[in-house]
């Protein structure tokens, strides 16, 4: 059976091969990953606050 770790490793290996083929600098990838994570973090925090405030309004 294929594990999540094996899928993750295969995906990372394929992406790294693509990055090298297209000659995308590593720092661009790192910056994009940081922005992506920060965006998701902000979105989740917003949703959490909206849910908490909505629950507080109903209480």
C-alpha atoms as a PDB file:
ATOM      1  CA  UNK A   1       0.000   0.000   0.000  1.00  0.00           C
ATOM      2  CA  UNK A   2       1.230   3.482  -0.844  1.00  0.00           C
ATOM      3  CA  UNK A   3       1.617   5.776   2.140  1.00  0.00           C
ATOM      4  CA  UNK A   4       1.103   9.516   2.361  1.00  0.00           C
ATOM      5  CA  UNK A   5       4.837   9.894   2.952  1.00  0.00           C
ATOM      6  CA  UNK A   6       5.653   8.082  -0.298  1.00  0.00           C
ATOM      7  CA  UNK A   7       3.215  10.293  -2.202  1.00  0.00           C
ATOM      8  CA  UNK A   8       4.747  13.401  -0.639  1.00  0.00           C
ATOM      9  CA  UNK A   9       8.264  12.272  -1.519  1.00  0.00           C
ATOM     10  CA  UNK A  10       7.284  11.478  -5.121  1.00  0.00           C
ATOM     11  CA  UNK A  11       5.544  14.853  -5.485  1.00  0.00           C
ATOM     12  CA  UNK A  12       8.533  16.715  -4.055  1.00  0.00           C
ATOM     13  CA  UNK A  13      10.927  14.818  -6.323  1.00  0.00           C
ATOM     14  CA  UNK A  14       8.803  15.545  -9.406  1.00  0.00           C
ATOM     15  CA  UNK A  15       8.509  19.225  -8.497  1.00  0.00           C
ATOM     16  CA  UNK A  16      12.246  19.536  -7.930  1.00  0.00           C
ATOM     17  CA  UNK A  17      12.927  17.972 -11.343  1.00  0.00           C
ATOM     18  CA  UNK A  18      10.469  20.412 -12.949  1.00  0.00           C
ATOM     19  CA  UNK A  19      12.025  23.369 -11.089  1.00  0.00           C
ATOM     20  CA  UNK A  20      15.493  22.438 -12.322  1.00  0.00           C
ATOM     21  CA  UNK A  21      14.259  21.864 -15.877  1.00  0.00           C
ATOM     22  CA  UNK A  22      12.587  25.287 -15.973  1.00  0.00           C
ATOM     23  CA  UNK A  23      15.522  26.849 -14.071  1.00  0.00           C
ATOM     24  CA  UNK A  24      13.312  28.403 -11.405  1.00  0.00           C
ATOM     25  CA  UNK A  25      15.488  29.775  -8.588  1.00  0.00           C
ATOM     26  CA  UNK A  26      14.959  28.090  -5.228  1.00  0.00           C
ATOM     27  CA  UNK A  27      14.391  31.406  -3.457  1.00  0.00           C
ATOM     28  CA  UNK A  28      11.406  32.101  -5.751  1.00  0.00           C
ATOM     29  CA  UNK A  29       9.876  28.784  -4.745  1.00  0.00           C
ATOM     30  CA  UNK A  30      10.571  29.418  -1.065  1.00  0.00           C
ATOM     31  CA  UNK A  31       8.981  32.884  -1.272  1.00  0.00           C
ATOM     32  CA  UNK A  32       5.913  31.498  -3.054  1.00  0.00           C
ATOM     33  CA  UNK A  33       5.502  28.758  -0.438  1.00  0.00           C
ATOM     34  CA  UNK A  34       5.783  31.310   2.360  1.00  0.00           C
ATOM     35  CA  UNK A  35       3.174  33.564   0.719  1.00  0.00           C
ATOM     36  CA  UNK A  36       0.873  30.594   0.147  1.00  0.00           C
ATOM     37  CA  UNK A  37       1.110  29.454   3.752  1.00  0.00           C
ATOM     38  CA  UNK A  38       0.611  32.990   5.060  1.00  0.00           C
ATOM     39  CA  UNK A  39      -2.454  33.394   2.854  1.00  0.00           C
ATOM     40  CA  UNK A  40      -4.016  30.163   4.091  1.00  0.00           C
ATOM     41  CA  UNK A  41      -3.192  31.053   7.661  1.00  0.00           C
ATOM     42  CA  UNK A  42      -4.853  34.460   7.297  1.00  0.00           C
ATOM     43  CA  UNK A  43      -7.909  32.945   5.605  1.00  0.00           C
ATOM     44  CA  UNK A  44      -8.346  30.317   8.313  1.00  0.00           C
ATOM     45  CA  UNK A  45      -7.916  32.892  11.064  1.00  0.00           C
ATOM     46  CA  UNK A  46     -10.554  35.089   9.404  1.00  0.00           C
ATOM     47  CA  UNK A  47     -13.005  32.192   9.142  1.00  0.00           C
ATOM     48  CA  UNK A  48     -12.367  31.180  12.743  1.00  0.00           C
ATOM     49  CA  UNK A  49     -12.999  34.717  13.970  1.00  0.00           C
ATOM     50  CA  UNK A  50     -16.181  34.943  11.907  1.00  0.00           C
ATOM     51  CA  UNK A  51     -17.444  31.670  13.381  1.00  0.00           C
ATOM     52  CA  UNK A  52     -16.574  32.671  16.927  1.00  0.00           C
ATOM     53  CA  UNK A  53     -18.173  36.102  16.552  1.00  0.00           C
ATOM     54  CA  UNK A  54     -21.266  34.529  14.978  1.00  0.00           C
ATOM     55  CA  UNK A  55     -21.553  32.086  17.882  1.00  0.00           C
ATOM     56  CA  UNK A  56     -21.080  34.904  20.378  1.00  0.00           C
ATOM     57  CA  UNK A  57     -23.809  36.949  18.661  1.00  0.00           C
ATOM     58  CA  UNK A  58     -26.210  33.997  18.859  1.00  0.00           C
ATOM     59  CA  UNK A  59     -25.463  33.346  22.534  1.00  0.00           C
END
